[in-house]
Protein backbone atom coordinates (compact mmCIF):
# COMPACT_ATOMS: atom_id res chain seq x y z
CA MET A 1 114.02 19.65 76.09
CA SER A 2 113.22 18.55 79.69
CA VAL A 3 115.52 16.28 81.56
CA LYS A 4 112.47 13.61 81.99
CA PHE A 5 111.90 13.71 78.05
CA LEU A 6 115.63 13.09 77.33
CA GLU A 7 115.73 10.31 79.91
CA GLN A 8 112.84 8.55 77.96
CA ILE A 9 114.61 8.85 74.80
CA LEU A 10 117.97 7.54 76.30
CA GLY A 11 116.01 4.65 78.00
CA GLU A 12 114.50 3.63 74.40
CA LEU A 13 117.93 3.90 73.02
CA ARG A 14 119.46 1.84 75.85
CA SER A 15 116.71 -0.84 75.48
CA ALA A 16 117.49 -1.17 71.71
CA GLY A 17 121.14 -1.59 72.47
CA ILE A 18 122.26 1.71 70.79
CA VAL A 19 123.11 3.51 74.06
CA LYS A 20 124.75 2.17 77.25
CA SER A 21 124.65 4.06 80.62
CA ARG A 22 126.67 3.84 83.71
CA ARG A 23 125.69 5.30 87.20
CA GLY A 24 127.91 7.03 89.54
CA ALA A 25 130.29 9.93 89.81
CA PHE A 26 131.95 8.98 86.58
CA GLY A 27 128.65 7.69 85.03
CA GLY A 28 126.80 8.90 81.97
CA HIS A 29 125.69 7.70 78.50
CA ALA A 30 127.73 6.65 75.52
CA LEU A 31 127.01 4.64 72.20
CA ALA A 32 127.05 1.03 72.78
CA MET A 33 127.51 0.53 68.95
CA ALA A 34 129.80 2.20 66.55
CA PRO A 35 128.01 5.25 64.72
CA ASP A 36 128.68 3.69 61.39
CA GLU A 37 126.52 0.50 62.45
CA VAL A 38 123.33 2.60 63.53
CA THR A 39 121.14 3.47 60.65
CA LEU A 40 118.78 6.56 60.81
CA ALA A 41 115.98 4.45 59.90
CA LYS A 42 116.52 2.44 62.98
CA VAL A 43 116.66 5.50 65.28
CA ILE A 44 113.63 6.98 63.66
CA ARG A 45 111.52 3.76 64.10
CA LEU A 46 112.37 3.68 67.73
CA MET A 47 111.51 7.35 68.39
CA ASP A 48 108.71 7.82 65.96
CA GLY A 49 107.40 4.45 64.98
CA PRO A 50 106.69 3.63 61.38
CA ILE A 51 108.44 5.38 58.49
CA ALA A 52 105.92 4.50 56.11
CA PRO A 53 103.05 7.25 55.62
CA LEU A 54 100.29 4.56 55.86
CA ALA A 55 100.00 1.35 57.99
CA CYS A 56 99.00 -0.66 54.98
CA VAL A 57 102.51 -0.01 53.46
CA SER A 58 104.58 -0.37 56.47
CA LEU A 59 107.26 -3.02 56.35
CA ASN A 60 107.54 -3.39 60.18
CA TYR A 61 103.95 -2.23 61.47
CA TYR A 62 101.62 -3.43 58.66
CA GLU A 63 97.87 -3.14 59.14
CA ARG A 64 95.49 -3.85 56.37
CA CYS A 65 92.95 -1.01 55.64
CA GLU A 66 89.34 -1.86 56.12
CA ASP A 67 87.30 -2.95 53.00
CA CYS A 68 90.43 -1.99 50.67
CA LYS A 69 91.54 -3.92 47.80
CA GLU A 70 95.21 -3.23 48.03
CA GLU A 71 96.15 -4.43 44.52
CA GLU A 72 93.70 -1.76 43.05
CA CYS A 73 94.51 1.09 45.53
CA GLY A 74 96.06 3.96 43.69
CA LEU A 75 96.86 5.76 46.92
CA ARG A 76 98.57 2.80 48.32
CA ARG A 77 100.79 2.45 45.22
CA VAL A 78 101.93 6.00 45.62
CA MET A 79 102.69 5.63 49.32
CA VAL A 80 104.77 2.52 48.77
CA GLU A 81 106.84 4.76 46.38
CA SER A 82 107.08 7.20 49.02
CA ARG A 83 108.10 4.79 51.76
CA ASP A 84 110.67 3.34 49.29
CA ALA A 85 112.22 6.65 48.71
CA GLN A 86 112.62 7.55 52.36
CA LEU A 87 114.02 4.17 53.06
CA SER A 88 116.56 4.30 50.31
CA ILE A 89 117.92 7.36 52.11
CA LEU A 90 117.36 6.46 55.68
CA GLU A 91 118.68 2.83 55.48
CA HIS A 92 121.92 4.06 54.02
CA ARG A 93 122.57 7.07 56.34
CA PHE A 94 124.16 6.35 59.79
CA LEU A 95 124.69 8.31 63.01
CA LYS A 96 128.31 8.88 61.70
CA ASP A 97 126.86 10.82 58.89
CA LEU A 98 125.33 13.17 61.43
CA ILE A 99 128.66 13.70 63.48
């Protein structure tokens, strides 16, 4: 991973309040929050955007599909199940679980 790419990632995490940084000889980056307070869902949304496989089932990035009757859409029902299954894991796993 390039330094520039890593700096972008750390910048996004810093903007979200997950990481803090300090300049200087004794500077660096550290967690700004306890690792048991940061869900994997939050980090994934910051880095990759929506967790939902389709915009029409996203909780945070919802967009309605063109010419779609959502209540009749079989694909949407399956994608809601998929989103819910992922979130049931990612909302209950924390950075501490990766350490």
